[in-house]
Amino acid sequence: MTYRVCLVCMGNICRSPMAEVVLRQTLEKRGLGGLVTVESAGTGGWHAGDPMDERALGILAQHGYDGSAHRARQFTKDWFDRYDLVLAMDRDNVSNLRRLAPSGVEVRLFRSFDPGAPEGAEVPDPYYGGHEGFEEVLALVESASAGVAKHIAGELDA
């Protein structure tokens, strides 16, 4: 059985695909790569089919990650039964997902798995900013990814 995770932001071209790439590599390093599928999507569909934002790709590449295969997708209501864990980058997207979610489905903030993050901490949207915002997002998703990987390992008893 494969454990499935979906990471969600607004347009699926910056935060969630960066987190997808980082979490996938984090899981690989923990020996869980073959047991977990990591995907990402946006609550909005205006970028569907587009590659990752060039600035996000650039920051990832500078730090040894490859996001070149990413193509944006929109999360839809029928996807909830596909995933064991749905994590949003911010509270707005948690709200958007909860409106779509069937009763009893949990949607959490991605950074809720970062032991160093304050309660309710978000991954800020770097889209309208500069290089520093994308660097910040990478640091935040690397930190939270370690916690997500630990959580998944516990779920899998691995």
C-alpha atoms as a PDB file:
ATOM      1  CA  MET A   1       0.000   0.000   0.000  1.00  0.00           C
ATOM      2  CA  THR A   2       1.246   3.457  -0.890  1.00  0.00           C
ATOM      3  CA  TYR A   3       0.697   6.410   1.439  1.00  0.00           C
ATOM      4  CA  ARG A   4      -0.440   9.438  -0.577  1.00  0.00           C
ATOM      5  CA  VAL A   5       0.089  13.118   0.234  1.00  0.00           C
ATOM      6  CA  CYS A   6      -1.166  16.203  -1.582  1.00  0.00           C
ATOM      7  CA  LEU A   7       0.287  19.640  -0.860  1.00  0.00           C
ATOM      8  CA  VAL A   8      -1.925  22.564  -1.800  1.00  0.00           C
ATOM      9  CA  CYS A   9      -1.504  26.298  -2.413  1.00  0.00           C
ATOM     10  CA  MET A  10      -3.421  28.798  -4.526  1.00  0.00           C
ATOM     11  CA  GLY A  11      -2.112  28.363  -8.079  1.00  0.00           C
ATOM     12  CA  ASN A  12       0.264  25.384  -7.764  1.00  0.00           C
ATOM     13  CA  ILE A  13       3.237  27.143  -9.302  1.00  0.00           C
ATOM     14  CA  CYS A  14       5.289  28.287  -6.271  1.00  0.00           C
ATOM     15  CA  ARG A  15       4.775  27.025  -2.724  1.00  0.00           C
ATOM     16  CA  SER A  16       3.106  23.642  -3.087  1.00  0.00           C
ATOM     17  CA  PRO A  17       5.316  22.413  -5.941  1.00  0.00           C
ATOM     18  CA  MET A  18       8.423  23.546  -4.050  1.00  0.00           C
ATOM     19  CA  ALA A  19       7.156  21.643  -1.012  1.00  0.00           C
ATOM     20  CA  GLU A  20       6.364  18.620  -3.203  1.00  0.00           C
ATOM     21  CA  VAL A  21       9.915  18.444  -4.542  1.00  0.00           C
ATOM     22  CA  VAL A  22      11.480  18.962  -1.110  1.00  0.00           C
ATOM     23  CA  LEU A  23       9.204  16.486   0.687  1.00  0.00           C
ATOM     24  CA  ARG A  24       9.756  13.839  -1.973  1.00  0.00           C
ATOM     25  CA  GLN A  25      13.543  14.149  -1.580  1.00  0.00           C
ATOM     26  CA  THR A  26      13.242  14.178   2.229  1.00  0.00           C
ATOM     27  CA  LEU A  27      11.239  10.954   2.113  1.00  0.00           C
ATOM     28  CA  GLU A  28      13.767   9.382  -0.279  1.00  0.00           C
ATOM     29  CA  LYS A  29      16.581  10.172   2.150  1.00  0.00           C
ATOM     30  CA  ARG A  30      14.606   8.489   4.949  1.00  0.00           C
ATOM     31  CA  GLY A  31      14.119   5.382   2.815  1.00  0.00           C
ATOM     32  CA  LEU A  32      10.394   6.012   2.421  1.00  0.00           C
ATOM     33  CA  GLY A  33      10.374   7.080  -1.230  1.00  0.00           C
ATOM     34  CA  GLY A  34       8.914   3.829  -2.502  1.00  0.00           C
ATOM     35  CA  LEU A  35       6.167   3.868   0.130  1.00  0.00           C
ATOM     36  CA  VAL A  36       4.881   7.414  -0.336  1.00  0.00           C
ATOM     37  CA  THR A  37       3.498   9.332  -3.300  1.00  0.00           C
ATOM     38  CA  VAL A  38       3.783  13.118  -3.023  1.00  0.00           C
ATOM     39  CA  GLU A  39       1.774  15.381  -5.323  1.00  0.00           C
ATOM     40  CA  SER A  40       0.641  18.985  -5.308  1.00  0.00           C
ATOM     41  CA  ALA A  41      -2.234  21.073  -6.594  1.00  0.00           C
ATOM     42  CA  GLY A  42      -3.817  24.504  -6.359  1.00  0.00           C
ATOM     43  CA  THR A  43      -7.253  25.518  -5.201  1.00  0.00           C
ATOM     44  CA  GLY A  44      -7.439  27.749  -8.272  1.00  0.00           C
ATOM     45  CA  GLY A  45      -7.144  26.469 -11.826  1.00  0.00           C
ATOM     46  CA  TRP A  46      -5.799  29.468 -13.725  1.00  0.00           C
ATOM     47  CA  HIS A  47      -2.267  27.991 -13.984  1.00  0.00           C
ATOM     48  CA  ALA A  48      -3.353  24.396 -14.777  1.00  0.00           C
ATOM     49  CA  GLY A  49      -0.841  22.805 -17.131  1.00  0.00           C
ATOM     50  CA  ASP A  50       1.818  25.470 -16.539  1.00  0.00           C
ATOM     51  CA  PRO A  51       5.321  24.685 -15.280  1.00  0.00           C
ATOM     52  CA  MET A  52       6.550  25.896 -11.917  1.00  0.00           C
ATOM     53  CA  ASP A  53       7.327  29.614 -11.599  1.00  0.00           C
ATOM     54  CA  GLU A  54      10.846  30.231 -12.933  1.00  0.00           C
ATOM     55  CA  ARG A  55      11.937  31.876  -9.682  1.00  0.00           C
ATOM     56  CA  ALA A  56      10.830  28.816  -7.700  1.00  0.00           C
ATOM     57  CA  LEU A  57      12.642  26.525 -10.132  1.00  0.00           C
ATOM     58  CA  GLY A  58      15.760  28.652  -9.846  1.00  0.00           C
ATOM     59  CA  ILE A  59      15.841  28.582  -6.044  1.00  0.00           C
ATOM     60  CA  LEU A  60      15.251  24.832  -6.028  1.00  0.00           C
ATOM     61  CA  ALA A  61      18.048  24.285  -8.560  1.00  0.00           C
ATOM     62  CA  GLN A  62      20.458  26.455  -6.548  1.00  0.00           C
ATOM     63  CA  HIS A  63      19.870  24.117  -3.603  1.00  0.00           C
ATOM     64  CA  GLY A  64      20.139  20.818  -5.480  1.00  0.00           C
ATOM     65  CA  TYR A  65      16.467  20.133  -6.218  1.00  0.00           C
ATOM     66  CA  ASP A  66      14.843  19.502  -9.594  1.00  0.00           C
ATOM     67  CA  GLY A  67      11.325  20.799 -10.166  1.00  0.00           C
ATOM     68  CA  SER A  68      11.416  20.774 -13.951  1.00  0.00           C
ATOM     69  CA  ALA A  69       8.806  18.029 -14.381  1.00  0.00           C
ATOM     70  CA  HIS A  70       6.091  19.913 -12.491  1.00  0.00           C
ATOM     71  CA  ARG A  71       2.850  20.934 -14.199  1.00  0.00           C
ATOM     72  CA  ALA A  72       0.178  22.802 -12.240  1.00  0.00           C
ATOM     73  CA  ARG A  73      -3.132  21.116 -11.435  1.00  0.00           C
ATOM     74  CA  GLN A  74      -6.314  22.133  -9.660  1.00  0.00           C
ATOM     75  CA  PHE A  75      -7.513  20.215  -6.605  1.00  0.00           C
ATOM     76  CA  THR A  76     -11.093  19.036  -6.975  1.00  0.00           C
ATOM     77  CA  LYS A  77     -13.590  17.643  -4.470  1.00  0.00           C
ATOM     78  CA  ASP A  78     -13.310  14.066  -5.733  1.00  0.00           C
ATOM     79  CA  TRP A  79      -9.588  13.995  -4.932  1.00  0.00           C
ATOM     80  CA  PHE A  80     -10.053  13.691  -1.169  1.00  0.00           C
ATOM     81  CA  ASP A  81     -10.487   9.924  -1.387  1.00  0.00           C
ATOM     82  CA  ARG A  82      -7.153   9.656  -3.236  1.00  0.00           C
ATOM     83  CA  TYR A  83      -5.039  11.012  -0.377  1.00  0.00           C
ATOM     84  CA  ASP A  84      -4.153  10.004   3.151  1.00  0.00           C
ATOM     85  CA  LEU A  85      -2.922  13.495   3.997  1.00  0.00           C
ATOM     86  CA  VAL A  86      -3.917  16.868   2.487  1.00  0.00           C
ATOM     87  CA  LEU A  87      -1.771  19.790   3.600  1.00  0.00           C
ATOM     88  CA  ALA A  88      -2.316  23.435   2.700  1.00  0.00           C
ATOM     89  CA  MET A  89       0.309  26.145   2.643  1.00  0.00           C
ATOM     90  CA  ASP A  90      -1.894  28.788   4.326  1.00  0.00           C
ATOM     91  CA  ARG A  91      -5.159  29.316   6.159  1.00  0.00           C
ATOM     92  CA  ASP A  92      -6.984  30.632   3.070  1.00  0.00           C
ATOM     93  CA  ASN A  93      -6.307  27.366   1.269  1.00  0.00           C
ATOM     94  CA  VAL A  94      -7.244  25.332   4.343  1.00  0.00           C
ATOM     95  CA  SER A  95     -10.604  27.143   4.251  1.00  0.00           C
ATOM     96  CA  ASN A  96     -10.991  26.571   0.510  1.00  0.00           C
ATOM     97  CA  LEU A  97     -10.256  22.869   0.928  1.00  0.00           C
ATOM     98  CA  ARG A  98     -12.527  22.441   3.941  1.00  0.00           C
ATOM     99  CA  ARG A  99     -15.428  23.856   1.910  1.00  0.00           C
ATOM    100  CA  LEU A 100     -14.798  21.085  -0.646  1.00  0.00           C
ATOM    101  CA  ALA A 101     -14.038  18.295   1.826  1.00  0.00           C
ATOM    102  CA  PRO A 102     -16.497  15.569   2.743  1.00  0.00           C
ATOM    103  CA  SER A 103     -17.450  15.377   6.401  1.00  0.00           C
ATOM    104  CA  GLY A 104     -14.719  13.960   8.603  1.00  0.00           C
ATOM    105  CA  VAL A 105     -11.810  14.682   6.235  1.00  0.00           C
ATOM    106  CA  GLU A 106      -8.966  16.519   7.908  1.00  0.00           C
ATOM    107  CA  VAL A 107      -7.032  19.279   6.156  1.00  0.00           C
ATOM    108  CA  ARG A 108      -3.987  20.634   7.972  1.00  0.00           C
ATOM    109  CA  LEU A 109      -1.468  23.385   7.552  1.00  0.00           C
ATOM    110  CA  PHE A 110       1.838  22.136   6.135  1.00  0.00           C
ATOM    111  CA  ARG A 111       3.835  23.994   8.785  1.00  0.00           C
ATOM    112  CA  SER A 112       1.848  22.357  11.589  1.00  0.00           C
ATOM    113  CA  PHE A 113       4.444  19.575  11.276  1.00  0.00           C
ATOM    114  CA  ASP A 114       7.367  21.940  11.937  1.00  0.00           C
ATOM    115  CA  PRO A 115       8.129  21.699  15.678  1.00  0.00           C
ATOM    116  CA  GLY A 116       9.829  25.110  15.550  1.00  0.00           C
ATOM    117  CA  ALA A 117       6.876  26.910  13.977  1.00  0.00           C
ATOM    118  CA  PRO A 118       4.291  28.764  16.035  1.00  0.00           C
ATOM    119  CA  GLU A 119       0.737  27.408  15.965  1.00  0.00           C
ATOM    120  CA  GLY A 120      -1.064  28.471  12.796  1.00  0.00           C
ATOM    121  CA  ALA A 121       2.179  29.259  10.946  1.00  0.00           C
ATOM    122  CA  GLU A 122       1.839  29.510   7.174  1.00  0.00           C
ATOM    123  CA  VAL A 123       4.096  29.321   4.149  1.00  0.00           C
ATOM    124  CA  PRO A 124       3.791  32.861   2.728  1.00  0.00           C
ATOM    125  CA  ASP A 125       3.075  33.365  -0.961  1.00  0.00           C
ATOM    126  CA  PRO A 126       6.279  34.618  -2.636  1.00  0.00           C
ATOM    127  CA  TYR A 127       4.662  35.264  -6.025  1.00  0.00           C
ATOM    128  CA  TYR A 128       4.531  39.062  -5.860  1.00  0.00           C
ATOM    129  CA  GLY A 129       7.893  39.473  -4.178  1.00  0.00           C
ATOM    130  CA  GLY A 130      11.514  38.919  -5.023  1.00  0.00           C
ATOM    131  CA  HIS A 131      14.245  36.341  -4.629  1.00  0.00           C
ATOM    132  CA  GLU A 132      14.204  36.552  -0.810  1.00  0.00           C
ATOM    133  CA  GLY A 133      10.614  35.356  -0.627  1.00  0.00           C
ATOM    134  CA  PHE A 134      11.419  32.207  -2.568  1.00  0.00           C
ATOM    135  CA  GLU A 135      14.465  31.568  -0.367  1.00  0.00           C
ATOM    136  CA  GLU A 136      12.233  31.935   2.699  1.00  0.00           C
ATOM    137  CA  VAL A 137       9.682  29.504   1.268  1.00  0.00           C
ATOM    138  CA  LEU A 138      12.410  26.936   0.609  1.00  0.00           C
ATOM    139  CA  ALA A 139      13.725  27.205   4.176  1.00  0.00           C
ATOM    140  CA  LEU A 140      10.208  26.866   5.610  1.00  0.00           C
ATOM    141  CA  VAL A 141       9.293  23.861   3.477  1.00  0.00           C
ATOM    142  CA  GLU A 142      12.599  22.124   4.237  1.00  0.00           C
ATOM    143  CA  SER A 143      11.968  22.526   7.957  1.00  0.00           C
ATOM    144  CA  ALA A 144       8.346  21.362   7.783  1.00  0.00           C
ATOM    145  CA  SER A 145       9.189  18.483   5.420  1.00  0.00           C
ATOM    146  CA  ALA A 146      11.324  16.852   8.083  1.00  0.00           C
ATOM    147  CA  GLY A 147       8.312  16.853  10.409  1.00  0.00           C
ATOM    148  CA  VAL A 148       5.944  15.595   7.729  1.00  0.00           C
ATOM    149  CA  ALA A 149       8.356  12.766   6.924  1.00  0.00           C
ATOM    150  CA  LYS A 150       8.551  11.852  10.626  1.00  0.00           C
ATOM    151  CA  HIS A 151       4.739  11.834  10.839  1.00  0.00           C
ATOM    152  CA  ILE A 152       4.427   9.626   7.749  1.00  0.00           C
ATOM    153  CA  ALA A 153       7.073   7.236   9.065  1.00  0.00           C
ATOM    154  CA  GLY A 154       4.954   6.884  12.207  1.00  0.00           C
ATOM    155  CA  GLU A 155       1.812   6.287  10.158  1.00  0.00           C
ATOM    156  CA  LEU A 156       3.637   3.580   8.222  1.00  0.00           C
ATOM    157  CA  ASP A 157       5.448   2.217  11.286  1.00  0.00           C
ATOM    158  CA  ALA A 158       8.649   2.608   9.266  1.00  0.00           C
END
